C-alpha atoms as a PDB file:
ATOM      1  CA  MET A   1     -47.280 102.469 115.560  1.00  0.00           C
ATOM      2  CA  LEU A   2     -44.463 100.616 113.832  1.00  0.00           C
ATOM      3  CA  SER A   3     -45.828  97.202 114.708  1.00  0.00           C
ATOM      4  CA  GLN A   4     -49.235  98.181 113.309  1.00  0.00           C
ATOM      5  CA  LYS A   5     -47.673  99.399 110.055  1.00  0.00           C
ATOM      6  CA  ILE A   6     -45.652  96.179 109.811  1.00  0.00           C
ATOM      7  CA  GLU A   7     -48.791  94.073 110.237  1.00  0.00           C
ATOM      8  CA  GLU A   8     -50.629  96.102 107.585  1.00  0.00           C
ATOM      9  CA  LEU A   9     -47.783  95.710 105.110  1.00  0.00           C
ATOM     10  CA  ARG A  10     -47.485  91.981 105.819  1.00  0.00           C
ATOM     11  CA  ALA A  11     -51.185  91.561 105.096  1.00  0.00           C
ATOM     12  CA  LYS A  12     -50.834  93.609 101.907  1.00  0.00           C
ATOM     13  CA  LEU A  13     -47.825  91.561 100.812  1.00  0.00           C
ATOM     14  CA  ASP A  14     -49.646  88.282 101.510  1.00  0.00           C
ATOM     15  CA  ALA A  15     -52.630  89.485  99.473  1.00  0.00           C
ATOM     16  CA  LEU A  16     -50.410  90.482  96.563  1.00  0.00           C
ATOM     17  CA  VAL A  17     -48.697  87.099  96.534  1.00  0.00           C
ATOM     18  CA  ALA A  18     -52.035  85.279  96.781  1.00  0.00           C
ATOM     19  CA  LYS A  19     -53.498  87.167  93.820  1.00  0.00           C
ATOM     20  CA  GLY A  20     -50.403  86.632  91.694  1.00  0.00           C
ATOM     21  CA  ALA A  21     -49.287  90.257  91.541  1.00  0.00           C
ATOM     22  CA  THR A  22     -46.318  91.243  89.454  1.00  0.00           C
ATOM     23  CA  TYR A  23     -42.770  91.007  90.744  1.00  0.00           C
ATOM     24  CA  ASP A  24     -42.495  94.798  90.821  1.00  0.00           C
ATOM     25  CA  GLU A  25     -45.625  95.210  92.953  1.00  0.00           C
ATOM     26  CA  ILE A  26     -44.458  92.581  95.424  1.00  0.00           C
ATOM     27  CA  TYR A  27     -40.931  93.979  95.496  1.00  0.00           C
ATOM     28  CA  GLU A  28     -42.065  97.524  96.290  1.00  0.00           C
ATOM     29  CA  VAL A  29     -44.210  96.432  99.236  1.00  0.00           C
ATOM     30  CA  SER A  30     -41.442  94.122 100.420  1.00  0.00           C
ATOM     31  CA  LYS A  31     -38.929  96.987 100.411  1.00  0.00           C
ATOM     32  CA  GLU A  32     -41.275  99.172 102.409  1.00  0.00           C
ATOM     33  CA  LEU A  33     -41.913  96.348 104.874  1.00  0.00           C
ATOM     34  CA  ASP A  34     -38.181  95.784 105.307  1.00  0.00           C
ATOM     35  CA  LYS A  35     -37.710  99.475 106.083  1.00  0.00           C
ATOM     36  CA  TYR A  36     -40.277  99.365 108.886  1.00  0.00           C
ATOM     37  CA  ILE A  37     -38.944  96.092 110.283  1.00  0.00           C
ATOM     38  CA  THR A  38     -35.450  97.590 110.410  1.00  0.00           C
ATOM     39  CA  GLN A  39     -36.762 100.658 112.242  1.00  0.00           C
ATOM     40  CA  TYR A  40     -38.641  98.433 114.671  1.00  0.00           C
ATOM     41  CA  TYR A  41     -35.574  96.370 115.551  1.00  0.00           C
ATOM     42  CA  LYS A  42     -33.402  99.451 115.913  1.00  0.00           C
ATOM     43  CA  ARG A  43     -35.864 100.917 118.418  1.00  0.00           C
ATOM     44  CA  THR A  44     -36.313  97.720 120.394  1.00  0.00           C
ATOM     45  CA  SER A  45     -32.577  97.045 120.665  1.00  0.00           C
ATOM     46  CA  GLU A  46     -31.731 100.455 122.143  1.00  0.00           C
END
């Protein structure tokens, strides 16, 4: 579940960067991606 969400957000972030999205758009997706990556590493390190 988490890994799938991470992959989706990475793809979304890549697409935003490629299309030249605004800083705010990129930043919001990046924050959300960071949240899921943190959750993933917390679960895998337990």
